[in-house]
Amino acid sequence: MGDRALLDTMVAVQQPIVAAVHGYALGLGATIALFSEVVIAEDAAFADTHVNVGSTTICQFAGVRRCPFH
């Protein structure tokens, strides 16, 4: 399953999605947490590493623009 298909599935699911994060959630991991209704985090750090490499393609389909809660 690709990144886009995963996020489309997360948006379509009728049940609440709970994300548990321990440690680093970078790139797609941070996006998955963003798309979850509840995030339980312990010693966690979130970052979008796509910005550091100049990749905006991933951010356009997977980031805040598609987040169902913004």
PDB file of N, CA and C in Angstrom:
ATOM      1  N   MET A   1       0.855  -1.173   0.000  1.00  0.00           N
ATOM      2  CA  MET A   1       0.000   0.000   0.000  1.00  0.00           C
ATOM      3  C   MET A   1       0.897   1.230   0.000  1.00  0.00           C
ATOM      4  N   GLY A   2       0.644   2.144  -0.908  1.00  0.00           N
ATOM      5  CA  GLY A   2       1.435   3.361  -0.987  1.00  0.00           C
ATOM      6  C   GLY A   2       0.998   4.401   0.028  1.00  0.00           C
ATOM      7  N   ASP A   3       1.776   5.477   0.123  1.00  0.00           N
ATOM      8  CA  ASP A   3       1.484   6.543   1.074  1.00  0.00           C
ATOM      9  C   ASP A   3       0.101   7.137   0.849  1.00  0.00           C
ATOM     10  N   ARG A   4      -0.211   7.444  -0.389  1.00  0.00           N
ATOM     11  CA  ARG A   4      -1.487   8.078  -0.714  1.00  0.00           C
ATOM     12  C   ARG A   4      -2.649   7.140  -0.388  1.00  0.00           C
ATOM     13  N   ALA A   5      -2.523   5.867  -0.721  1.00  0.00           N
ATOM     14  CA  ALA A   5      -3.584   4.899  -0.439  1.00  0.00           C
ATOM     15  C   ALA A   5      -3.793   4.750   1.066  1.00  0.00           C
ATOM     16  N   LEU A   6      -2.711   4.751   1.828  1.00  0.00           N
ATOM     17  CA  LEU A   6      -2.818   4.652   3.282  1.00  0.00           C
ATOM     18  C   LEU A   6      -3.601   5.827   3.842  1.00  0.00           C
ATOM     19  N   LEU A   7      -3.269   7.044   3.415  1.00  0.00           N
ATOM     20  CA  LEU A   7      -3.953   8.224   3.938  1.00  0.00           C
ATOM     21  C   LEU A   7      -5.399   8.286   3.460  1.00  0.00           C
ATOM     22  N   ASP A   8      -5.666   7.859   2.224  1.00  0.00           N
ATOM     23  CA  ASP A   8      -7.054   7.795   1.743  1.00  0.00           C
ATOM     24  C   ASP A   8      -7.870   6.840   2.604  1.00  0.00           C
ATOM     25  N   THR A   9      -7.272   5.711   2.976  1.00  0.00           N
ATOM     26  CA  THR A   9      -7.950   4.739   3.832  1.00  0.00           C
ATOM     27  C   THR A   9      -8.198   5.322   5.214  1.00  0.00           C
ATOM     28  N   MET A  10      -7.223   6.036   5.749  1.00  0.00           N
ATOM     29  CA  MET A  10      -7.393   6.650   7.063  1.00  0.00           C
ATOM     30  C   MET A  10      -8.536   7.661   7.064  1.00  0.00           C
ATOM     31  N   VAL A  11      -8.666   8.415   5.990  1.00  0.00           N
ATOM     32  CA  VAL A  11      -9.742   9.405   5.892  1.00  0.00           C
ATOM     33  C   VAL A  11     -11.096   8.710   5.769  1.00  0.00           C
ATOM     34  N   ALA A  12     -11.147   7.589   5.067  1.00  0.00           N
ATOM     35  CA  ALA A  12     -12.410   6.889   4.808  1.00  0.00           C
ATOM     36  C   ALA A  12     -12.915   6.062   5.985  1.00  0.00           C
ATOM     37  N   VAL A  13     -12.034   5.684   6.891  1.00  0.00           N
ATOM     38  CA  VAL A  13     -12.422   4.832   8.021  1.00  0.00           C
ATOM     39  C   VAL A  13     -13.417   5.580   8.911  1.00  0.00           C
ATOM     40  N   GLN A  14     -14.464   4.881   9.316  1.00  0.00           N
ATOM     41  CA  GLN A  14     -15.505   5.497  10.148  1.00  0.00           C
ATOM     42  C   GLN A  14     -15.158   5.505  11.635  1.00  0.00           C
ATOM     43  N   GLN A  15     -14.299   4.592  12.084  1.00  0.00           N
ATOM     44  CA  GLN A  15     -13.921   4.526  13.496  1.00  0.00           C
ATOM     45  C   GLN A  15     -12.789   5.520  13.776  1.00  0.00           C
ATOM     46  N   PRO A  16     -12.703   5.993  15.023  1.00  0.00           N
ATOM     47  CA  PRO A  16     -11.586   6.862  15.391  1.00  0.00           C
ATOM     48  C   PRO A  16     -10.253   6.114  15.278  1.00  0.00           C
ATOM     49  N   ILE A  17      -9.233   6.801  14.840  1.00  0.00           N
ATOM     50  CA  ILE A  17      -7.899   6.221  14.709  1.00  0.00           C
ATOM     51  C   ILE A  17      -7.046   6.771  15.845  1.00  0.00           C
ATOM     52  N   VAL A  18      -6.398   5.863  16.582  1.00  0.00           N
ATOM     53  CA  VAL A  18      -5.536   6.239  17.693  1.00  0.00           C
ATOM     54  C   VAL A  18      -4.094   5.907  17.316  1.00  0.00           C
ATOM     55  N   ALA A  19      -3.219   6.898  17.433  1.00  0.00           N
ATOM     56  CA  ALA A  19      -1.797   6.693  17.132  1.00  0.00           C
ATOM     57  C   ALA A  19      -1.013   6.721  18.445  1.00  0.00           C
ATOM     58  N   ALA A  20      -0.124   5.764  18.613  1.00  0.00           N
ATOM     59  CA  ALA A  20       0.773   5.737  19.771  1.00  0.00           C
ATOM     60  C   ALA A  20       2.183   6.006  19.260  1.00  0.00           C
ATOM     61  N   VAL A  21       2.816   7.035  19.812  1.00  0.00           N
ATOM     62  CA  VAL A  21       4.150   7.429  19.346  1.00  0.00           C
ATOM     63  C   VAL A  21       5.105   7.416  20.527  1.00  0.00           C
ATOM     64  N   HIS A  22       6.204   6.708  20.363  1.00  0.00           N
ATOM     65  CA  HIS A  22       7.284   6.702  21.352  1.00  0.00           C
ATOM     66  C   HIS A  22       8.575   6.909  20.575  1.00  0.00           C
ATOM     67  N   GLY A  23       9.190   8.044  20.763  1.00  0.00           N
ATOM     68  CA  GLY A  23      10.403   8.359  20.004  1.00  0.00           C
ATOM     69  C   GLY A  23      10.100   9.340  18.888  1.00  0.00           C
ATOM     70  N   TYR A  24      10.780   9.167  17.769  1.00  0.00           N
ATOM     71  CA  TYR A  24      10.653  10.101  16.658  1.00  0.00           C
ATOM     72  C   TYR A  24       9.539   9.687  15.697  1.00  0.00           C
ATOM     73  N   ALA A  25       8.757  10.664  15.260  1.00  0.00           N
ATOM     74  CA  ALA A  25       7.774  10.485  14.184  1.00  0.00           C
ATOM     75  C   ALA A  25       8.156  11.499  13.113  1.00  0.00           C
ATOM     76  N   LEU A  26       8.837  11.024  12.088  1.00  0.00           N
ATOM     77  CA  LEU A  26       9.360  11.908  11.049  1.00  0.00           C
ATOM     78  C   LEU A  26       8.665  11.629   9.725  1.00  0.00           C
ATOM     79  N   GLY A  27       8.492  12.669   8.916  1.00  0.00           N
ATOM     80  CA  GLY A  27       7.929  12.497   7.577  1.00  0.00           C
ATOM     81  C   GLY A  27       6.544  11.892   7.616  1.00  0.00           C
ATOM     82  N   LEU A  28       6.401  10.725   6.994  1.00  0.00           N
ATOM     83  CA  LEU A  28       5.098  10.064   6.927  1.00  0.00           C
ATOM     84  C   LEU A  28       4.602   9.666   8.312  1.00  0.00           C
ATOM     85  N   GLY A  29       5.498   9.336   9.225  1.00  0.00           N
ATOM     86  CA  GLY A  29       5.080   9.011  10.592  1.00  0.00           C
ATOM     87  C   GLY A  29       4.389  10.182  11.270  1.00  0.00           C
ATOM     88  N   ALA A  30       4.907  11.392  11.080  1.00  0.00           N
ATOM     89  CA  ALA A  30       4.262  12.585  11.632  1.00  0.00           C
ATOM     90  C   ALA A  30       2.929  12.841  10.948  1.00  0.00           C
ATOM     91  N   THR A  31       2.855  12.584   9.644  1.00  0.00           N
ATOM     92  CA  THR A  31       1.613  12.778   8.903  1.00  0.00           C
ATOM     93  C   THR A  31       0.545  11.801   9.373  1.00  0.00           C
ATOM     94  N   ILE A  32       0.926  10.551   9.625  1.00  0.00           N
ATOM     95  CA  ILE A  32      -0.029   9.567  10.129  1.00  0.00           C
ATOM     96  C   ILE A  32      -0.573  10.024  11.483  1.00  0.00           C
ATOM     97  N   ALA A  33       0.283  10.541  12.348  1.00  0.00           N
ATOM     98  CA  ALA A  33      -0.175  11.067  13.631  1.00  0.00           C
ATOM     99  C   ALA A  33      -1.126  12.245  13.417  1.00  0.00           C
ATOM    100  N   LEU A  34      -0.819  13.096  12.444  1.00  0.00           N
ATOM    101  CA  LEU A  34      -1.659  14.249  12.136  1.00  0.00           C
ATOM    102  C   LEU A  34      -3.045  13.817  11.673  1.00  0.00           C
ATOM    103  N   PHE A  35      -3.131  12.717  10.953  1.00  0.00           N
ATOM    104  CA  PHE A  35      -4.401  12.222  10.433  1.00  0.00           C
ATOM    105  C   PHE A  35      -5.185  11.410  11.459  1.00  0.00           C
ATOM    106  N   SER A  36      -4.612  11.157  12.615  1.00  0.00           N
ATOM    107  CA  SER A  36      -5.281  10.377  13.658  1.00  0.00           C
ATOM    108  C   SER A  36      -6.133  11.292  14.531  1.00  0.00           C
ATOM    109  N   GLU A  37      -7.234  10.750  15.039  1.00  0.00           N
ATOM    110  CA  GLU A  37      -8.094  11.543  15.919  1.00  0.00           C
ATOM    111  C   GLU A  37      -7.472  11.733  17.292  1.00  0.00           C
ATOM    112  N   VAL A  38      -6.745  10.723  17.776  1.00  0.00           N
ATOM    113  CA  VAL A  38      -6.103  10.782  19.089  1.00  0.00           C
ATOM    114  C   VAL A  38      -4.650  10.354  18.930  1.00  0.00           C
ATOM    115  N   VAL A  39      -3.750  11.114  19.547  1.00  0.00           N
ATOM    116  CA  VAL A  39      -2.331  10.752  19.539  1.00  0.00           C
ATOM    117  C   VAL A  39      -1.868  10.634  20.989  1.00  0.00           C
ATOM    118  N   ILE A  40      -1.360   9.471  21.325  1.00  0.00           N
ATOM    119  CA  ILE A  40      -0.785   9.245  22.653  1.00  0.00           C
ATOM    120  C   ILE A  40       0.725   9.227  22.444  1.00  0.00           C
ATOM    121  N   ALA A  41       1.403  10.188  23.050  1.00  0.00           N
ATOM    122  CA  ALA A  41       2.838  10.333  22.803  1.00  0.00           C
ATOM    123  C   ALA A  41       3.612  10.334  24.114  1.00  0.00           C
ATOM    124  N   GLU A  42       4.718   9.612  24.113  1.00  0.00           N
ATOM    125  CA  GLU A  42       5.622   9.592  25.253  1.00  0.00           C
ATOM    126  C   GLU A  42       7.039   9.743  24.725  1.00  0.00           C
ATOM    127  N   ASP A  43       7.758  10.720  25.253  1.00  0.00           N
ATOM    128  CA  ASP A  43       9.116  11.004  24.772  1.00  0.00           C
ATOM    129  C   ASP A  43       9.144  11.091  23.260  1.00  0.00           C
ATOM    130  N   ALA A  44       8.202  11.843  22.689  1.00  0.00           N
ATOM    131  CA  ALA A  44       8.043  11.891  21.234  1.00  0.00           C
ATOM    132  C   ALA A  44       8.522  13.224  20.659  1.00  0.00           C
ATOM    133  N   ALA A  45       8.971  13.163  19.425  1.00  0.00           N
ATOM    134  CA  ALA A  45       9.342  14.351  18.660  1.00  0.00           C
ATOM    135  C   ALA A  45       8.762  14.189  17.260  1.00  0.00           C
ATOM    136  N   PHE A  46       8.125  15.237  16.748  1.00  0.00           N
ATOM    137  CA  PHE A  46       7.490  15.210  15.438  1.00  0.00           C
ATOM    138  C   PHE A  46       8.192  16.191  14.513  1.00  0.00           C
ATOM    139  N   ALA A  47       8.420  15.790  13.266  1.00  0.00           N
ATOM    140  CA  ALA A  47       9.055  16.681  12.299  1.00  0.00           C
ATOM    141  C   ALA A  47       8.701  16.247  10.884  1.00  0.00           C
ATOM    142  N   ASP A  48       8.642  17.226   9.984  1.00  0.00           N
ATOM    143  CA  ASP A  48       8.432  16.928   8.569  1.00  0.00           C
ATOM    144  C   ASP A  48       9.772  17.077   7.862  1.00  0.00           C
ATOM    145  N   THR A  49      10.428  15.969   7.608  1.00  0.00           N
ATOM    146  CA  THR A  49      11.768  15.987   7.022  1.00  0.00           C
ATOM    147  C   THR A  49      11.756  16.269   5.529  1.00  0.00           C
ATOM    148  N   HIS A  50      10.597  16.230   4.890  1.00  0.00           N
ATOM    149  CA  HIS A  50      10.527  16.494   3.452  1.00  0.00           C
ATOM    150  C   HIS A  50      10.971  17.917   3.132  1.00  0.00           C
ATOM    151  N   VAL A  51      10.755  18.830   4.058  1.00  0.00           N
ATOM    152  CA  VAL A  51      11.149  20.220   3.843  1.00  0.00           C
ATOM    153  C   VAL A  51      12.661  20.332   3.730  1.00  0.00           C
ATOM    154  N   ASN A  52      13.391  19.536   4.503  1.00  0.00           N
ATOM    155  CA  ASN A  52      14.850  19.596   4.492  1.00  0.00           C
ATOM    156  C   ASN A  52      15.462  19.172   3.166  1.00  0.00           C
ATOM    157  N   VAL A  53      14.780  18.302   2.419  1.00  0.00           N
ATOM    158  CA  VAL A  53      15.331  17.835   1.150  1.00  0.00           C
ATOM    159  C   VAL A  53      14.684  18.539  -0.044  1.00  0.00           C
ATOM    160  N   GLY A  54      13.789  19.488   0.223  1.00  0.00           N
ATOM    161  CA  GLY A  54      13.180  20.258  -0.853  1.00  0.00           C
ATOM    162  C   GLY A  54      12.080  19.527  -1.598  1.00  0.00           C
ATOM    163  N   SER A  55      11.525  18.490  -1.004  1.00  0.00           N
ATOM    164  CA  SER A  55      10.465  17.737  -1.663  1.00  0.00           C
ATOM    165  C   SER A  55       9.115  18.272  -1.229  1.00  0.00           C
ATOM    166  N   THR A  56       8.396  18.919  -2.157  1.00  0.00           N
ATOM    167  CA  THR A  56       7.069  19.431  -1.824  1.00  0.00           C
ATOM    168  C   THR A  56       5.976  18.515  -2.350  1.00  0.00           C
ATOM    169  N   THR A  57       6.302  17.578  -3.214  1.00  0.00           N
ATOM    170  CA  THR A  57       5.296  16.674  -3.778  1.00  0.00           C
ATOM    171  C   THR A  57       4.621  15.868  -2.679  1.00  0.00           C
ATOM    172  N   ILE A  58       5.415  15.313  -1.779  1.00  0.00           N
ATOM    173  CA  ILE A  58       4.854  14.497  -0.705  1.00  0.00           C
ATOM    174  C   ILE A  58       3.999  15.361   0.205  1.00  0.00           C
ATOM    175  N   CYS A  59       4.464  16.540   0.522  1.00  0.00           N
ATOM    176  CA  CYS A  59       3.714  17.417   1.415  1.00  0.00           C
ATOM    177  C   CYS A  59       2.376  17.815   0.812  1.00  0.00           C
ATOM    178  N   GLN A  60       2.307  17.969  -0.506  1.00  0.00           N
ATOM    179  CA  GLN A  60       1.070  18.417  -1.139  1.00  0.00           C
ATOM    180  C   GLN A  60      -0.031  17.383  -1.025  1.00  0.00           C
ATOM    181  N   PHE A  61       0.265  16.099  -1.171  1.00  0.00           N
ATOM    182  CA  PHE A  61      -0.809  15.112  -1.099  1.00  0.00           C
ATOM    183  C   PHE A  61      -0.949  14.503   0.276  1.00  0.00           C
ATOM    184  N   ALA A  62       0.050  14.612   1.130  1.00  0.00           N
ATOM    185  CA  ALA A  62       0.003  13.890   2.402  1.00  0.00           C
ATOM    186  C   ALA A  62      -0.023  14.788   3.624  1.00  0.00           C
ATOM    187  N   GLY A  63       0.263  16.041   3.488  1.00  0.00           N
ATOM    188  CA  GLY A  63       0.423  16.884   4.664  1.00  0.00           C
ATOM    189  C   GLY A  63      -0.836  17.600   5.082  1.00  0.00           C
ATOM    190  N   VAL A  64      -0.645  18.776   5.626  1.00  0.00           N
ATOM    191  CA  VAL A  64      -1.728  19.549   6.213  1.00  0.00           C
ATOM    192  C   VAL A  64      -2.817  19.874   5.196  1.00  0.00           C
ATOM    193  N   ARG A  65      -2.476  20.001   3.938  1.00  0.00           N
ATOM    194  CA  ARG A  65      -3.480  20.340   2.924  1.00  0.00           C
ATOM    195  C   ARG A  65      -4.591  19.299   2.854  1.00  0.00           C
ATOM    196  N   ARG A  66      -4.287  18.013   3.114  1.00  0.00           N
ATOM    197  CA  ARG A  66      -5.296  16.962   3.042  1.00  0.00           C
ATOM    198  C   ARG A  66      -5.817  16.552   4.396  1.00  0.00           C
ATOM    199  N   CYS A  67      -5.281  17.126   5.456  1.00  0.00           N
ATOM    200  CA  CYS A  67      -5.704  16.735   6.793  1.00  0.00           C
ATOM    201  C   CYS A  67      -7.192  17.019   6.967  1.00  0.00           C
ATOM    202  N   PRO A  68      -7.968  16.008   7.353  1.00  0.00           N
ATOM    203  CA  PRO A  68      -9.414  16.197   7.448  1.00  0.00           C
ATOM    204  C   PRO A  68      -9.850  17.117   8.596  1.00  0.00           C
ATOM    205  N   PHE A  69      -8.920  17.529   9.447  1.00  0.00           N
ATOM    206  CA  PHE A  69      -9.305  18.319  10.620  1.00  0.00           C
ATOM    207  C   PHE A  69      -8.948  19.791  10.521  1.00  0.00           C
ATOM    208  N   HIS A  70      -8.268  20.217   9.460  1.00  0.00           N
ATOM    209  CA  HIS A  70      -7.870  21.638   9.448  1.00  0.00           C
ATOM    210  C   HIS A  70      -8.933  22.491   8.825  1.00  0.00           C
TER     211      HIS A  70
END
